[in-house]
Amino acid sequence: MEERMWDRKRIRALRRHLGLTQAQLASDLGVRQQTVSEWETGQYEPRGTSVTLLRIVAERARFDYGGQEDEQG
């Protein structure tokens, strides 16, 4: 359920909120730049550990990604 929160628009918005390039965000998450690009174009969605890392990065940056409502519900 948490995976669906991370659609292409939210991932791009998080990256821009952080002021990072795709390559920089990829490095922070331990994935390839191409992977971030594929997420942002909607070709693929993040799964597993990547979802957890996106959530952690978002929370540390105080980025509202919609996670609180789903975790409580």
PDB file of N, CA and C in Angstrom:
ATOM      1  N   MET A   1       0.822  -1.190   0.000  1.00  0.00           N
ATOM      2  CA  MET A   1       0.000   0.000   0.000  1.00  0.00           C
ATOM      3  C   MET A   1       0.865   1.253   0.000  1.00  0.00           C
ATOM      4  N   GLU A   2       1.951   1.218   0.750  1.00  0.00           N
ATOM      5  CA  GLU A   2       2.854   2.365   0.792  1.00  0.00           C
ATOM      6  C   GLU A   2       3.498   2.596  -0.569  1.00  0.00           C
ATOM      7  N   GLU A   3       3.724   1.518  -1.324  1.00  0.00           N
ATOM      8  CA  GLU A   3       4.357   1.648  -2.633  1.00  0.00           C
ATOM      9  C   GLU A   3       3.550   2.550  -3.556  1.00  0.00           C
ATOM     10  N   ARG A   4       2.242   2.460  -3.505  1.00  0.00           N
ATOM     11  CA  ARG A   4       1.387   3.239  -4.397  1.00  0.00           C
ATOM     12  C   ARG A   4       1.473   4.732  -4.124  1.00  0.00           C
ATOM     13  N   MET A   5       1.908   5.117  -2.936  1.00  0.00           N
ATOM     14  CA  MET A   5       2.071   6.537  -2.629  1.00  0.00           C
ATOM     15  C   MET A   5       3.145   7.166  -3.497  1.00  0.00           C
ATOM     16  N   TRP A   6       4.090   6.367  -3.931  1.00  0.00           N
ATOM     17  CA  TRP A   6       5.228   6.900  -4.661  1.00  0.00           C
ATOM     18  C   TRP A   6       5.007   6.795  -6.167  1.00  0.00           C
ATOM     19  N   ASP A   7       4.113   7.632  -6.660  1.00  0.00           N
ATOM     20  CA  ASP A   7       3.917   7.708  -8.101  1.00  0.00           C
ATOM     21  C   ASP A   7       4.957   8.650  -8.697  1.00  0.00           C
ATOM     22  N   ARG A   8       4.971   8.748 -10.002  1.00  0.00           N
ATOM     23  CA  ARG A   8       6.009   9.525 -10.687  1.00  0.00           C
ATOM     24  C   ARG A   8       6.010  10.991 -10.275  1.00  0.00           C
ATOM     25  N   LYS A   9       4.839  11.565 -10.051  1.00  0.00           N
ATOM     26  CA  LYS A   9       4.772  12.981  -9.682  1.00  0.00           C
ATOM     27  C   LYS A   9       5.357  13.231  -8.301  1.00  0.00           C
ATOM     28  N   ARG A  10       5.084  12.344  -7.359  1.00  0.00           N
ATOM     29  CA  ARG A  10       5.615  12.531  -6.005  1.00  0.00           C
ATOM     30  C   ARG A  10       7.126  12.352  -5.967  1.00  0.00           C
ATOM     31  N   ILE A  11       7.625  11.404  -6.730  1.00  0.00           N
ATOM     32  CA  ILE A  11       9.071  11.178  -6.744  1.00  0.00           C
ATOM     33  C   ILE A  11       9.779  12.397  -7.317  1.00  0.00           C
ATOM     34  N   ARG A  12       9.273  12.910  -8.424  1.00  0.00           N
ATOM     35  CA  ARG A  12       9.869  14.109  -9.030  1.00  0.00           C
ATOM     36  C   ARG A  12       9.755  15.304  -8.083  1.00  0.00           C
ATOM     37  N   ALA A  13       8.601  15.457  -7.431  1.00  0.00           N
ATOM     38  CA  ALA A  13       8.410  16.564  -6.497  1.00  0.00           C
ATOM     39  C   ALA A  13       9.380  16.460  -5.318  1.00  0.00           C
ATOM     40  N   LEU A  14       9.587  15.255  -4.809  1.00  0.00           N
ATOM     41  CA  LEU A  14      10.546  15.062  -3.718  1.00  0.00           C
ATOM     42  C   LEU A  14      11.943  15.449  -4.174  1.00  0.00           C
ATOM     43  N   ARG A  15      12.336  14.970  -5.339  1.00  0.00           N
ATOM     44  CA  ARG A  15      13.680  15.269  -5.836  1.00  0.00           C
ATOM     45  C   ARG A  15      13.874  16.775  -5.994  1.00  0.00           C
ATOM     46  N   ARG A  16      12.885  17.446  -6.545  1.00  0.00           N
ATOM     47  CA  ARG A  16      12.979  18.903  -6.724  1.00  0.00           C
ATOM     48  C   ARG A  16      12.974  19.625  -5.380  1.00  0.00           C
ATOM     49  N   HIS A  17      12.184  19.136  -4.438  1.00  0.00           N
ATOM     50  CA  HIS A  17      12.154  19.701  -3.089  1.00  0.00           C
ATOM     51  C   HIS A  17      13.548  19.634  -2.459  1.00  0.00           C
ATOM     52  N   LEU A  18      14.233  18.543  -2.719  1.00  0.00           N
ATOM     53  CA  LEU A  18      15.579  18.350  -2.182  1.00  0.00           C
ATOM     54  C   LEU A  18      16.634  19.121  -2.962  1.00  0.00           C
ATOM     55  N   GLY A  19      16.284  19.586  -4.168  1.00  0.00           N
ATOM     56  CA  GLY A  19      17.243  20.300  -5.009  1.00  0.00           C
ATOM     57  C   GLY A  19      18.300  19.380  -5.596  1.00  0.00           C
ATOM     58  N   LEU A  20      17.909  18.137  -5.893  1.00  0.00           N
ATOM     59  CA  LEU A  20      18.857  17.145  -6.391  1.00  0.00           C
ATOM     60  C   LEU A  20      18.595  16.809  -7.853  1.00  0.00           C
ATOM     61  N   THR A  21      19.640  16.370  -8.518  1.00  0.00           N
ATOM     62  CA  THR A  21      19.491  15.797  -9.850  1.00  0.00           C
ATOM     63  C   THR A  21      19.046  14.345  -9.689  1.00  0.00           C
ATOM     64  N   GLN A  22      18.646  13.740 -10.792  1.00  0.00           N
ATOM     65  CA  GLN A  22      18.297  12.317 -10.739  1.00  0.00           C
ATOM     66  C   GLN A  22      19.495  11.499 -10.275  1.00  0.00           C
ATOM     67  N   ALA A  23      20.669  11.839 -10.757  1.00  0.00           N
ATOM     68  CA  ALA A  23      21.876  11.097 -10.384  1.00  0.00           C
ATOM     69  C   ALA A  23      22.165  11.226  -8.889  1.00  0.00           C
ATOM     70  N   GLN A  24      21.966  12.409  -8.338  1.00  0.00           N
ATOM     71  CA  GLN A  24      22.219  12.612  -6.916  1.00  0.00           C
ATOM     72  C   GLN A  24      21.221  11.840  -6.051  1.00  0.00           C
ATOM     73  N   LEU A  25      19.947  11.896  -6.417  1.00  0.00           N
ATOM     74  CA  LEU A  25      18.949  11.137  -5.660  1.00  0.00           C
ATOM     75  C   LEU A  25      19.229   9.643  -5.774  1.00  0.00           C
ATOM     76  N   ALA A  26      19.580   9.207  -6.964  1.00  0.00           N
ATOM     77  CA  ALA A  26      19.907   7.795  -7.171  1.00  0.00           C
ATOM     78  C   ALA A  26      21.053   7.366  -6.261  1.00  0.00           C
ATOM     79  N   SER A  27      22.071   8.190  -6.174  1.00  0.00           N
ATOM     80  CA  SER A  27      23.212   7.882  -5.319  1.00  0.00           C
ATOM     81  C   SER A  27      22.783   7.782  -3.855  1.00  0.00           C
ATOM     82  N   ASP A  28      21.945   8.715  -3.416  1.00  0.00           N
ATOM     83  CA  ASP A  28      21.460   8.698  -2.034  1.00  0.00           C
ATOM     84  C   ASP A  28      20.653   7.436  -1.726  1.00  0.00           C
ATOM     85  N   LEU A  29      19.929   6.938  -2.727  1.00  0.00           N
ATOM     86  CA  LEU A  29      19.069   5.768  -2.527  1.00  0.00           C
ATOM     87  C   LEU A  29      19.763   4.450  -2.847  1.00  0.00           C
ATOM     88  N   GLY A  30      20.952   4.530  -3.452  1.00  0.00           N
ATOM     89  CA  GLY A  30      21.672   3.313  -3.817  1.00  0.00           C
ATOM     90  C   GLY A  30      21.107   2.617  -5.040  1.00  0.00           C
ATOM     91  N   VAL A  31      20.557   3.420  -5.963  1.00  0.00           N
ATOM     92  CA  VAL A  31      20.035   2.880  -7.220  1.00  0.00           C
ATOM     93  C   VAL A  31      20.704   3.615  -8.377  1.00  0.00           C
ATOM     94  N   ARG A  32      20.441   3.153  -9.591  1.00  0.00           N
ATOM     95  CA  ARG A  32      21.012   3.808 -10.770  1.00  0.00           C
ATOM     96  C   ARG A  32      20.197   5.043 -11.140  1.00  0.00           C
ATOM     97  N   GLN A  33      20.826   5.995 -11.806  1.00  0.00           N
ATOM     98  CA  GLN A  33      20.123   7.182 -12.286  1.00  0.00           C
ATOM     99  C   GLN A  33      18.999   6.773 -13.216  1.00  0.00           C
ATOM    100  N   GLN A  34      19.232   5.760 -14.020  1.00  0.00           N
ATOM    101  CA  GLN A  34      18.214   5.275 -14.947  1.00  0.00           C
ATOM    102  C   GLN A  34      16.966   4.808 -14.192  1.00  0.00           C
ATOM    103  N   THR A  35      17.161   4.227 -13.024  1.00  0.00           N
ATOM    104  CA  THR A  35      16.032   3.771 -12.214  1.00  0.00           C
ATOM    105  C   THR A  35      15.170   4.952 -11.786  1.00  0.00           C
ATOM    106  N   VAL A  36      15.802   6.019 -11.306  1.00  0.00           N
ATOM    107  CA  VAL A  36      15.052   7.218 -10.914  1.00  0.00           C
ATOM    108  C   VAL A  36      14.316   7.789 -12.122  1.00  0.00           C
ATOM    109  N   SER A  37      14.977   7.812 -13.260  1.00  0.00           N
ATOM    110  CA  SER A  37      14.342   8.290 -14.487  1.00  0.00           C
ATOM    111  C   SER A  37      13.110   7.452 -14.823  1.00  0.00           C
ATOM    112  N   GLU A  38      13.234   6.147 -14.706  1.00  0.00           N
ATOM    113  CA  GLU A  38      12.112   5.246 -15.005  1.00  0.00           C
ATOM    114  C   GLU A  38      10.957   5.445 -14.020  1.00  0.00           C
ATOM    115  N   TRP A  39      11.274   5.729 -12.767  1.00  0.00           N
ATOM    116  CA  TRP A  39      10.220   6.031 -11.801  1.00  0.00           C
ATOM    117  C   TRP A  39       9.505   7.319 -12.188  1.00  0.00           C
ATOM    118  N   GLU A  40      10.286   8.333 -12.553  1.00  0.00           N
ATOM    119  CA  GLU A  40       9.711   9.645 -12.856  1.00  0.00           C
ATOM    120  C   GLU A  40       8.918   9.664 -14.159  1.00  0.00           C
ATOM    121  N   THR A  41       9.190   8.759 -15.052  1.00  0.00           N
ATOM    122  CA  THR A  41       8.414   8.688 -16.291  1.00  0.00           C
ATOM    123  C   THR A  41       7.244   7.720 -16.165  1.00  0.00           C
ATOM    124  N   GLY A  42       7.163   7.019 -15.050  1.00  0.00           N
ATOM    125  CA  GLY A  42       6.073   6.081 -14.824  1.00  0.00           C
ATOM    126  C   GLY A  42       6.290   4.722 -15.463  1.00  0.00           C
ATOM    127  N   GLN A  43       7.495   4.500 -15.979  1.00  0.00           N
ATOM    128  CA  GLN A  43       7.794   3.205 -16.595  1.00  0.00           C
ATOM    129  C   GLN A  43       7.792   2.096 -15.545  1.00  0.00           C
ATOM    130  N   TYR A  44       8.325   2.408 -14.375  1.00  0.00           N
ATOM    131  CA  TYR A  44       8.356   1.473 -13.249  1.00  0.00           C
ATOM    132  C   TYR A  44       7.998   2.228 -11.983  1.00  0.00           C
ATOM    133  N   GLU A  45       7.603   1.503 -10.952  1.00  0.00           N
ATOM    134  CA  GLU A  45       7.347   2.083  -9.641  1.00  0.00           C
ATOM    135  C   GLU A  45       8.349   1.508  -8.653  1.00  0.00           C
ATOM    136  N   PRO A  46       8.765   2.314  -7.676  1.00  0.00           N
ATOM    137  CA  PRO A  46       9.694   1.790  -6.676  1.00  0.00           C
ATOM    138  C   PRO A  46       9.032   0.693  -5.855  1.00  0.00           C
ATOM    139  N   ARG A  47       9.868  -0.261  -5.419  1.00  0.00           N
ATOM    140  CA  ARG A  47       9.379  -1.381  -4.612  1.00  0.00           C
ATOM    141  C   ARG A  47      10.345  -1.643  -3.470  1.00  0.00           C
ATOM    142  N   GLY A  48       9.856  -2.359  -2.487  1.00  0.00           N
ATOM    143  CA  GLY A  48      10.690  -2.857  -1.402  1.00  0.00           C
ATOM    144  C   GLY A  48      11.482  -1.797  -0.670  1.00  0.00           C
ATOM    145  N   THR A  49      12.778  -2.022  -0.591  1.00  0.00           N
ATOM    146  CA  THR A  49      13.671  -1.137   0.145  1.00  0.00           C
ATOM    147  C   THR A  49      13.651   0.278  -0.405  1.00  0.00           C
ATOM    148  N   SER A  50      13.494   0.424  -1.710  1.00  0.00           N
ATOM    149  CA  SER A  50      13.461   1.761  -2.309  1.00  0.00           C
ATOM    150  C   SER A  50      12.302   2.583  -1.761  1.00  0.00           C
ATOM    151  N   VAL A  51      11.169   1.947  -1.532  1.00  0.00           N
ATOM    152  CA  VAL A  51      10.006   2.637  -0.971  1.00  0.00           C
ATOM    153  C   VAL A  51      10.325   3.122   0.439  1.00  0.00           C
ATOM    154  N   THR A  52      10.943   2.262   1.222  1.00  0.00           N
ATOM    155  CA  THR A  52      11.315   2.628   2.586  1.00  0.00           C
ATOM    156  C   THR A  52      12.301   3.783   2.587  1.00  0.00           C
ATOM    157  N   LEU A  53      13.295   3.730   1.714  1.00  0.00           N
ATOM    158  CA  LEU A  53      14.287   4.800   1.645  1.00  0.00           C
ATOM    159  C   LEU A  53      13.669   6.112   1.181  1.00  0.00           C
ATOM    160  N   LEU A  54      12.762   6.064   0.219  1.00  0.00           N
ATOM    161  CA  LEU A  54      12.065   7.281  -0.219  1.00  0.00           C
ATOM    162  C   LEU A  54      11.302   7.903   0.949  1.00  0.00           C
ATOM    163  N   ARG A  55      10.635   7.065   1.729  1.00  0.00           N
ATOM    164  CA  ARG A  55       9.885   7.561   2.886  1.00  0.00           C
ATOM    165  C   ARG A  55      10.812   8.225   3.897  1.00  0.00           C
ATOM    166  N   ILE A  56      11.942   7.591   4.185  1.00  0.00           N
ATOM    167  CA  ILE A  56      12.892   8.145   5.150  1.00  0.00           C
ATOM    168  C   ILE A  56      13.437   9.478   4.660  1.00  0.00           C
ATOM    169  N   VAL A  57      13.833   9.532   3.398  1.00  0.00           N
ATOM    170  CA  VAL A  57      14.357  10.776   2.822  1.00  0.00           C
ATOM    171  C   VAL A  57      13.293  11.869   2.885  1.00  0.00           C
ATOM    172  N   ALA A  58      12.064  11.528   2.529  1.00  0.00           N
ATOM    173  CA  ALA A  58      10.969  12.505   2.540  1.00  0.00           C
ATOM    174  C   ALA A  58      10.710  13.034   3.946  1.00  0.00           C
ATOM    175  N   GLU A  59      10.683  12.144   4.921  1.00  0.00           N
ATOM    176  CA  GLU A  59      10.422  12.564   6.295  1.00  0.00           C
ATOM    177  C   GLU A  59      11.536  13.448   6.829  1.00  0.00           C
ATOM    178  N   ARG A  60      12.766  13.112   6.530  1.00  0.00           N
ATOM    179  CA  ARG A  60      13.892  13.939   6.981  1.00  0.00           C
ATOM    180  C   ARG A  60      13.866  15.321   6.346  1.00  0.00           C
ATOM    181  N   ALA A  61      13.369  15.393   5.111  1.00  0.00           N
ATOM    182  CA  ALA A  61      13.296  16.668   4.391  1.00  0.00           C
ATOM    183  C   ALA A  61      11.999  17.413   4.696  1.00  0.00           C
ATOM    184  N   ARG A  62      11.171  16.826   5.551  1.00  0.00           N
ATOM    185  CA  ARG A  62       9.864  17.401   5.879  1.00  0.00           C
ATOM    186  C   ARG A  62       9.023  17.622   4.622  1.00  0.00           C
ATOM    187  N   PHE A  63       9.077  16.630   3.750  1.00  0.00           N
ATOM    188  CA  PHE A  63       8.311  16.642   2.501  1.00  0.00           C
ATOM    189  C   PHE A  63       7.009  15.886   2.725  1.00  0.00           C
ATOM    190  N   ASP A  64       5.890  16.532   2.449  1.00  0.00           N
ATOM    191  CA  ASP A  64       4.584  15.904   2.647  1.00  0.00           C
ATOM    192  C   ASP A  64       4.282  14.988   1.474  1.00  0.00           C
ATOM    193  N   TYR A  65       4.425  13.699   1.686  1.00  0.00           N
ATOM    194  CA  TYR A  65       4.202  12.722   0.630  1.00  0.00           C
ATOM    195  C   TYR A  65       2.914  11.940   0.837  1.00  0.00           C
ATOM    196  N   GLY A  66       2.169  12.278   1.879  1.00  0.00           N
ATOM    197  CA  GLY A  66       0.898  11.610   2.130  1.00  0.00           C
ATOM    198  C   GLY A  66       1.011  10.352   2.960  1.00  0.00           C
ATOM    199  N   GLY A  67       2.144  10.108   3.564  1.00  0.00           N
ATOM    200  CA  GLY A  67       2.372   8.864   4.291  1.00  0.00           C
ATOM    201  C   GLY A  67       1.641   8.745   5.609  1.00  0.00           C
ATOM    202  N   GLN A  68       1.429   9.831   6.311  1.00  0.00           N
ATOM    203  CA  GLN A  68       0.821   9.770   7.637  1.00  0.00           C
ATOM    204  C   GLN A  68      -0.592   9.216   7.600  1.00  0.00           C
ATOM    205  N   GLU A  69      -1.396   9.643   6.651  1.00  0.00           N
ATOM    206  CA  GLU A  69      -2.785   9.199   6.595  1.00  0.00           C
ATOM    207  C   GLU A  69      -2.878   7.699   6.371  1.00  0.00           C
ATOM    208  N   ASP A  70      -2.085   7.174   5.451  1.00  0.00           N
ATOM    209  CA  ASP A  70      -2.151   5.758   5.130  1.00  0.00           C
ATOM    210  C   ASP A  70      -1.617   4.893   6.262  1.00  0.00           C
ATOM    211  N   GLU A  71      -0.608   5.377   6.973  1.00  0.00           N
ATOM    212  CA  GLU A  71      -0.051   4.591   8.057  1.00  0.00           C
ATOM    213  C   GLU A  71      -1.040   4.480   9.208  1.00  0.00           C
ATOM    214  N   GLN A  72      -1.845   5.514   9.437  1.00  0.00           N
ATOM    215  CA  GLN A  72      -2.798   5.495  10.533  1.00  0.00           C
ATOM    216  C   GLN A  72      -4.066   4.740  10.159  1.00  0.00           C
ATOM    217  N   GLY A  73      -4.408   4.722   8.867  1.00  0.00           N
ATOM    218  CA  GLY A  73      -5.669   4.148   8.417  1.00  0.00           C
ATOM    219  C   GLY A  73      -5.634   2.721   8.242  1.00  0.00           C
TER     220      GLY A  73
END
